[in-house]
Protein backbone atom coordinates (compact mmCIF):
# COMPACT_ATOMS: atom_id res chain seq x y z
CA MET A 1 11.35 24.31 -22.85
CA ASN A 2 10.71 23.13 -26.39
CA THR A 3 12.67 24.24 -29.46
CA PHE A 4 10.17 26.92 -30.45
CA ASP A 5 10.10 28.42 -26.96
CA PHE A 6 13.91 28.36 -26.89
CA PHE A 7 14.11 30.01 -30.33
CA ASN A 8 11.66 32.77 -29.40
CA ALA A 9 13.13 33.45 -25.95
CA ASN A 10 16.66 33.79 -27.28
CA PHE A 11 16.28 35.04 -30.86
CA GLY A 12 12.75 35.42 -32.23
CA ARG A 13 11.73 38.03 -29.63
CA LEU A 14 14.62 40.19 -30.84
CA LEU A 15 13.18 40.15 -34.37
CA VAL A 16 9.38 40.25 -34.05
CA GLU A 17 6.74 41.06 -31.48
CA GLN A 18 5.71 37.90 -29.66
CA GLY A 19 2.13 36.66 -29.58
CA ASN A 20 0.69 33.69 -27.69
CA ASP A 21 1.57 30.98 -30.24
CA PRO A 22 5.28 29.99 -30.20
CA TYR A 23 4.99 28.27 -33.60
CA GLU A 24 3.53 31.36 -35.27
CA ASN A 25 6.12 33.57 -33.54
CA ALA A 26 8.99 31.43 -34.82
CA ALA A 27 7.54 31.22 -38.35
CA LYS A 28 7.07 35.00 -38.42
CA ALA A 29 10.63 35.65 -37.24
CA LEU A 30 12.06 33.32 -39.89
CA SER A 31 9.95 34.50 -42.82
CA SER A 32 9.44 38.23 -42.19
CA SER A 33 11.48 41.04 -43.62
CA HIS A 34 13.73 42.70 -41.02
CA ARG A 35 15.41 46.08 -41.11
CA LEU A 36 19.11 45.84 -41.92
CA ALA A 37 21.72 47.99 -40.20
CA SER A 38 22.02 49.78 -43.58
CA GLY A 39 18.34 50.77 -43.36
CA ASN A 40 16.99 48.47 -46.06
CA GLY A 41 14.74 45.50 -45.37
CA SER A 42 15.67 41.86 -45.81
CA ARG A 43 14.44 38.43 -44.88
CA LEU A 44 16.93 36.08 -43.24
CA GLY A 45 17.97 34.93 -46.71
CA SER A 46 21.70 34.48 -46.32
CA GLY A 47 24.29 33.75 -43.68
CA TRP A 48 23.95 31.90 -40.40
CA ALA A 49 22.91 32.21 -36.77
CA ILE A 50 24.02 30.40 -33.62
CA VAL A 51 21.64 30.77 -30.71
CA LYS A 52 22.26 29.80 -27.10
CA GLU A 53 20.54 30.82 -23.88
CA ASN A 54 20.67 34.66 -23.82
CA ASN A 55 23.17 34.72 -26.70
CA ALA A 56 22.20 35.13 -30.35
CA VAL A 57 24.97 35.53 -32.93
CA LEU A 58 24.01 36.39 -36.50
CA GLN A 59 26.04 36.97 -39.64
CA LEU A 60 23.51 39.23 -41.42
CA LYS A 61 23.75 42.67 -39.86
CA LEU A 62 20.25 43.69 -38.86
CA ALA A 63 19.17 46.83 -37.04
CA ALA A 64 17.90 44.60 -34.20
CA THR A 65 19.47 45.09 -30.79
CA GLY A 66 20.43 42.30 -28.40
CA ILE A 67 22.12 40.30 -31.18
CA THR A 68 25.87 39.91 -31.64
CA TYR A 69 26.93 40.29 -35.27
CA ASP A 70 29.78 38.26 -36.71
CA ASP A 71 31.12 38.19 -40.26
CA ARG A 72 32.89 34.81 -40.17
CA THR A 73 31.84 32.10 -42.59
CA ARG A 74 29.27 29.58 -41.43
CA PHE A 75 31.95 26.90 -41.22
CA GLU A 76 34.28 29.06 -39.12
CA ALA A 77 31.48 29.98 -36.73
CA VAL A 78 30.17 26.42 -36.36
CA ILE A 79 33.66 24.97 -35.84
CA ASP A 80 34.37 27.55 -33.16
CA ALA A 81 31.08 26.82 -31.37
CA LEU A 82 31.63 23.06 -31.51
CA GLU A 83 35.30 23.22 -30.52
CA ASN A 84 34.34 25.38 -27.52
CA TRP A 85 31.25 23.34 -26.67
CA ASP A 86 29.87 24.30 -23.26
CA ASN A 87 27.05 21.73 -23.00
CA GLN A 88 24.38 24.40 -23.55
CA PRO A 89 21.45 23.76 -25.88
CA THR A 90 22.30 25.45 -29.17
CA LEU A 91 20.48 26.22 -32.41
CA PHE A 92 22.70 26.17 -35.50
CA MET A 93 20.88 27.82 -38.41
CA VAL A 94 21.99 28.40 -41.98
CA PHE A 95 19.94 30.77 -44.13
CA ASP A 96 19.47 30.68 -47.87
CA LYS A 97 17.11 32.20 -50.44
CA ALA A 98 14.22 30.02 -49.27
CA PRO A 99 12.99 30.71 -45.74
CA LEU A 100 14.05 28.31 -43.00
CA PRO A 101 10.82 26.43 -42.14
CA ILE A 102 10.04 25.92 -38.47
CA SER A 103 9.82 22.17 -39.16
CA ASN A 104 13.61 22.28 -39.63
CA LEU A 105 14.36 23.81 -36.21
CA PHE A 106 16.16 21.39 -33.90
CA LEU A 107 18.30 21.99 -30.83
CA THR A 108 21.74 20.49 -30.49
CA VAL A 109 22.31 19.29 -26.94
CA ASP A 110 25.18 16.84 -27.46
CA LEU A 111 28.20 16.76 -29.79
CA ARG A 112 27.22 13.23 -30.77
CA ALA A 113 24.01 14.55 -32.34
CA VAL A 114 24.74 17.94 -33.89
CA ARG A 115 21.87 19.42 -35.92
CA ILE A 116 22.45 22.09 -38.56
CA CYS A 117 19.10 23.62 -39.52
CA THR A 118 18.77 24.77 -43.15
CA PRO A 119 15.92 25.55 -45.54
CA ALA A 120 16.69 22.32 -47.43
CA GLY A 121 16.63 20.10 -44.35
CA VAL A 122 18.50 19.27 -41.18
CA TYR A 123 22.06 17.96 -41.33
CA SER A 124 22.74 15.59 -38.45
CA PHE A 125 26.13 14.19 -37.50
CA ASP A 126 28.32 13.00 -34.64
CA TYR A 127 31.02 15.65 -34.20
CA THR A 128 33.09 13.26 -32.08
CA GLN A 129 33.58 10.93 -35.07
CA GLU A 130 35.31 11.28 -38.43
CA PRO A 131 32.90 11.86 -41.31
CA THR A 132 32.16 8.96 -43.64
CA ASP A 133 31.03 8.88 -47.26
CA SER A 134 27.44 8.87 -46.01
CA SER A 135 27.96 11.93 -43.76
CA PRO A 136 26.24 15.14 -44.86
CA GLN A 137 28.35 17.27 -47.20
CA PHE A 138 28.12 20.09 -44.66
CA TYR A 139 29.92 17.93 -42.09
CA ARG A 140 32.56 16.74 -44.56
CA THR A 141 33.30 20.37 -45.48
CA LEU A 142 33.29 21.34 -41.81
CA HIS A 143 35.73 18.54 -41.03
CA LYS A 144 38.10 19.55 -43.87
CA GLN A 145 38.11 23.14 -42.60
CA ARG A 146 38.69 21.91 -39.05
CA MET A 147 41.69 19.80 -40.17
CA LYS A 148 43.05 22.72 -42.19
CA ASN A 149 42.79 24.98 -39.13
CA ALA A 150 44.58 22.39 -36.97
CA SER A 151 47.63 22.22 -39.26
């Protein structure tokens, strides 16, 4: 299963009707407006999502069913998922004002190659190692939060 098939099977299908093209389905899910739990409409323009096989967790509270909603910060949610790593392919997505392009969707399958998918790009790092000055800022912030939680 490729990343787009994984995304659609475990998250995209919960947001938009699926057609025959997995790329178009993923792009539509990421760029369309979705009904919020409050009744208004919104694109995935803030928050985060962590998607595993048959388990989608999203910060933004949509009216969509089949999704678990969680109000933790992106760093808290990612740390928890990485600290409790179960060797399952996982999509880590961070949403911002700009839509998350499908070209930035990558699965994480190993803690040594974690991928955080954002509209600005993909942050890649080895979670088993300490961050360095050249590590993505996201990972340095994640590591600081992780150390703070450990103390």
